[in-house]
């Protein structure tokens, strides 16, 4: 989901939640695909995980993201 859409919907983001999702996704086994559909699904999952990792790395530098995070998370934000 694009950050702009998230902001428009009023969804609060917590940077720790993104880190947790990336960590959980990295723990799941990446089984070899048995058909083209499964291969495409795994590629999509890998792409989403990579995008979340990139967002997680850059979240503390992005002023737009800082506007979206919860006040509690903003207090715990380490720059």
N, C-alpha and C. Protein backbone atom coordinates (compact mmCIF):
# COMPACT_ATOMS: atom_id res chain seq x y z
N UNK A 1 0.85 -1.17 0.00
CA UNK A 1 0.00 0.00 0.00
C UNK A 1 0.90 1.24 0.00
N UNK A 2 0.59 2.15 -0.83
CA UNK A 2 1.39 3.37 -0.91
C UNK A 2 1.18 4.21 0.36
N UNK A 3 2.24 4.92 0.76
CA UNK A 3 2.15 5.74 1.96
C UNK A 3 1.07 6.80 1.84
N UNK A 4 0.90 7.35 0.64
CA UNK A 4 -0.14 8.38 0.46
C UNK A 4 -1.52 7.81 0.73
N UNK A 5 -1.79 6.59 0.24
CA UNK A 5 -3.08 5.96 0.49
C UNK A 5 -3.27 5.71 1.98
N UNK A 6 -2.19 5.31 2.65
CA UNK A 6 -2.27 5.08 4.08
C UNK A 6 -2.63 6.37 4.80
N UNK A 7 -1.99 7.46 4.39
CA UNK A 7 -2.26 8.75 5.02
C UNK A 7 -3.69 9.19 4.75
N UNK A 8 -4.17 8.98 3.54
CA UNK A 8 -5.53 9.37 3.19
C UNK A 8 -6.56 8.59 4.01
N UNK A 9 -6.25 7.36 4.33
CA UNK A 9 -7.18 6.54 5.11
C UNK A 9 -7.05 6.79 6.61
N UNK A 10 -6.03 7.52 7.02
CA UNK A 10 -5.85 7.82 8.43
C UNK A 10 -5.30 6.65 9.23
N UNK A 11 -4.61 5.74 8.58
CA UNK A 11 -4.04 4.59 9.26
C UNK A 11 -2.73 5.01 9.90
N UNK A 12 -2.57 4.69 11.19
CA UNK A 12 -1.32 5.03 11.86
C UNK A 12 -0.33 3.88 11.68
N UNK A 13 0.90 4.22 11.35
CA UNK A 13 1.95 3.22 11.16
C UNK A 13 2.93 3.27 12.32
N UNK A 14 3.33 2.11 12.76
CA UNK A 14 4.33 1.99 13.81
C UNK A 14 5.57 1.37 13.18
N UNK A 15 6.72 2.04 13.23
CA UNK A 15 7.92 1.49 12.60
C UNK A 15 8.29 0.11 13.15
N UNK A 16 8.00 -0.12 14.42
CA UNK A 16 8.31 -1.42 15.01
C UNK A 16 7.48 -2.53 14.38
N UNK A 17 6.25 -2.21 13.96
CA UNK A 17 5.42 -3.21 13.29
C UNK A 17 6.03 -3.62 11.96
N UNK A 18 6.57 -2.67 11.23
CA UNK A 18 7.21 -2.98 9.95
C UNK A 18 8.41 -3.88 10.18
N UNK A 19 9.22 -3.55 11.19
CA UNK A 19 10.39 -4.38 11.50
C UNK A 19 9.96 -5.80 11.87
N UNK A 20 8.88 -5.91 12.64
CA UNK A 20 8.39 -7.23 13.06
C UNK A 20 7.92 -8.05 11.87
N UNK A 21 7.20 -7.42 10.95
CA UNK A 21 6.71 -8.11 9.75
C UNK A 21 7.87 -8.59 8.90
N UNK A 22 8.88 -7.74 8.72
CA UNK A 22 10.05 -8.12 7.92
C UNK A 22 10.77 -9.29 8.58
N UNK A 23 10.90 -9.24 9.91
CA UNK A 23 11.58 -10.33 10.62
C UNK A 23 10.81 -11.64 10.48
N UNK A 24 9.49 -11.60 10.64
CA UNK A 24 8.68 -12.81 10.51
C UNK A 24 8.75 -13.36 9.08
N UNK A 25 8.72 -12.47 8.10
CA UNK A 25 8.78 -12.92 6.71
C UNK A 25 10.11 -13.57 6.39
N UNK A 26 11.17 -13.10 7.01
CA UNK A 26 12.48 -13.68 6.73
C UNK A 26 12.64 -15.06 7.36
N UNK A 27 11.82 -15.38 8.36
CA UNK A 27 11.89 -16.68 9.03
C UNK A 27 11.16 -17.78 8.26
N UNK A 28 10.23 -17.40 7.39
CA UNK A 28 9.44 -18.40 6.69
C UNK A 28 10.29 -19.12 5.66
N UNK A 29 10.09 -20.43 5.53
CA UNK A 29 10.88 -21.17 4.54
C UNK A 29 10.44 -20.82 3.12
N UNK A 30 11.38 -20.68 2.25
CA UNK A 30 11.09 -20.36 0.86
C UNK A 30 11.19 -21.66 0.06
N UNK A 31 10.08 -22.37 -0.03
CA UNK A 31 10.05 -23.66 -0.70
C UNK A 31 10.16 -23.48 -2.21
N UNK A 32 10.77 -24.44 -2.89
CA UNK A 32 10.87 -24.32 -4.36
C UNK A 32 9.48 -24.42 -4.99
N UNK A 33 9.18 -23.54 -5.93
CA UNK A 33 7.87 -23.57 -6.58
C UNK A 33 7.70 -24.81 -7.44
N UNK A 34 6.47 -25.31 -7.49
CA UNK A 34 6.20 -26.51 -8.28
C UNK A 34 5.52 -26.20 -9.60
N UNK A 35 5.00 -24.99 -9.74
CA UNK A 35 4.37 -24.60 -11.00
C UNK A 35 4.57 -23.09 -11.23
N UNK A 36 4.29 -22.61 -12.42
CA UNK A 36 4.53 -21.18 -12.73
C UNK A 36 3.75 -20.23 -11.82
N UNK A 37 2.53 -20.62 -11.43
CA UNK A 37 1.73 -19.76 -10.56
C UNK A 37 2.41 -19.59 -9.20
N UNK A 38 2.89 -20.70 -8.62
CA UNK A 38 3.58 -20.63 -7.34
C UNK A 38 4.85 -19.79 -7.45
N UNK A 39 5.56 -19.94 -8.56
CA UNK A 39 6.78 -19.16 -8.76
C UNK A 39 6.47 -17.67 -8.76
N UNK A 40 5.40 -17.30 -9.45
CA UNK A 40 5.00 -15.90 -9.51
C UNK A 40 4.58 -15.40 -8.12
N UNK A 41 3.87 -16.23 -7.36
CA UNK A 41 3.45 -15.84 -6.02
C UNK A 41 4.67 -15.61 -5.12
N UNK A 42 5.67 -16.50 -5.18
CA UNK A 42 6.87 -16.34 -4.37
C UNK A 42 7.64 -15.10 -4.79
N UNK A 43 7.66 -14.79 -6.07
CA UNK A 43 8.34 -13.57 -6.53
C UNK A 43 7.64 -12.33 -5.96
N UNK A 44 6.30 -12.37 -5.92
CA UNK A 44 5.55 -11.25 -5.36
C UNK A 44 5.84 -11.10 -3.87
N UNK A 45 5.87 -12.23 -3.15
CA UNK A 45 6.16 -12.20 -1.71
C UNK A 45 7.56 -11.64 -1.47
N UNK A 46 8.52 -12.09 -2.27
CA UNK A 46 9.89 -11.59 -2.13
C UNK A 46 9.97 -10.09 -2.41
N UNK A 47 9.22 -9.63 -3.39
CA UNK A 47 9.21 -8.20 -3.73
C UNK A 47 8.63 -7.38 -2.58
N UNK A 48 7.52 -7.84 -2.02
CA UNK A 48 6.89 -7.12 -0.91
C UNK A 48 7.84 -7.09 0.29
N UNK A 49 8.47 -8.22 0.59
CA UNK A 49 9.40 -8.27 1.72
C UNK A 49 10.57 -7.31 1.49
N UNK A 50 11.10 -7.28 0.27
CA UNK A 50 12.20 -6.36 -0.04
C UNK A 50 11.75 -4.91 0.12
N UNK A 51 10.55 -4.60 -0.35
CA UNK A 51 10.04 -3.23 -0.22
C UNK A 51 9.86 -2.85 1.24
N UNK A 52 9.40 -3.80 2.07
CA UNK A 52 9.25 -3.52 3.49
C UNK A 52 10.62 -3.29 4.15
N UNK A 53 11.61 -4.07 3.74
CA UNK A 53 12.96 -3.88 4.29
C UNK A 53 13.49 -2.50 3.91
N UNK A 54 13.28 -2.09 2.66
CA UNK A 54 13.73 -0.77 2.22
C UNK A 54 13.02 0.33 3.00
N UNK A 55 11.71 0.16 3.21
CA UNK A 55 10.95 1.15 3.98
C UNK A 55 11.44 1.18 5.42
N UNK A 56 11.71 0.02 5.98
CA UNK A 56 12.20 -0.06 7.35
C UNK A 56 13.53 0.67 7.50
N UNK A 57 14.41 0.53 6.52
CA UNK A 57 15.72 1.19 6.57
C UNK A 57 15.59 2.71 6.47
N UNK A 58 14.69 3.16 5.64
CA UNK A 58 14.62 4.60 5.37
C UNK A 58 13.59 5.34 6.23
N UNK A 59 12.83 4.62 7.04
CA UNK A 59 11.72 5.25 7.76
C UNK A 59 12.15 6.38 8.68
N UNK A 60 13.33 6.28 9.26
CA UNK A 60 13.76 7.31 10.20
C UNK A 60 14.26 8.58 9.50
N UNK A 61 14.48 8.49 8.21
CA UNK A 61 14.97 9.65 7.46
C UNK A 61 13.88 10.35 6.68
N UNK A 62 12.74 9.71 6.52
CA UNK A 62 11.67 10.22 5.67
C UNK A 62 10.70 11.08 6.48
N UNK A 63 10.66 12.39 6.25
CA UNK A 63 9.76 13.25 7.02
C UNK A 63 8.29 12.90 6.80
N UNK A 64 7.91 12.45 5.60
CA UNK A 64 6.52 12.07 5.35
C UNK A 64 6.15 10.88 6.21
N UNK A 65 7.03 9.90 6.33
CA UNK A 65 6.76 8.72 7.16
C UNK A 65 6.64 9.13 8.63
N UNK A 66 7.49 10.05 9.08
CA UNK A 66 7.43 10.48 10.47
C UNK A 66 6.08 11.09 10.80
N UNK A 67 5.44 11.71 9.82
CA UNK A 67 4.11 12.28 10.03
C UNK A 67 3.06 11.19 10.20
N UNK A 68 3.30 10.01 9.65
CA UNK A 68 2.31 8.93 9.70
C UNK A 68 2.40 8.07 10.94
N UNK A 69 3.57 8.02 11.58
CA UNK A 69 3.72 7.10 12.70
C UNK A 69 3.00 7.60 13.93
N UNK A 70 2.71 6.69 14.83
CA UNK A 70 1.96 7.03 16.03
C UNK A 70 2.79 7.92 16.94
N UNK A 71 2.14 8.73 17.78
CA UNK A 71 2.90 9.59 18.69
C UNK A 71 3.82 8.78 19.62
N UNK A 72 3.34 7.63 20.09
CA UNK A 72 4.16 6.79 20.97
C UNK A 72 5.41 6.30 20.24
N UNK A 73 5.22 5.85 19.01
CA UNK A 73 6.36 5.38 18.22
C UNK A 73 7.30 6.53 17.90
N UNK A 74 6.74 7.72 17.67
CA UNK A 74 7.56 8.88 17.37
C UNK A 74 8.47 9.22 18.55
N UNK A 75 7.96 9.05 19.79
CA UNK A 75 8.78 9.31 20.97
C UNK A 75 9.94 8.32 21.08
N UNK A 76 9.71 7.09 20.65
CA UNK A 76 10.74 6.05 20.74
C UNK A 76 11.66 6.04 19.53
N UNK A 77 11.43 6.93 18.59
CA UNK A 77 12.20 6.97 17.35
C UNK A 77 13.64 7.38 17.64
N UNK A 78 14.57 6.56 17.20
CA UNK A 78 15.99 6.84 17.39
C UNK A 78 16.57 7.27 16.06
N UNK A 79 17.08 8.49 16.01
CA UNK A 79 17.67 8.99 14.76
C UNK A 79 19.16 8.81 14.77
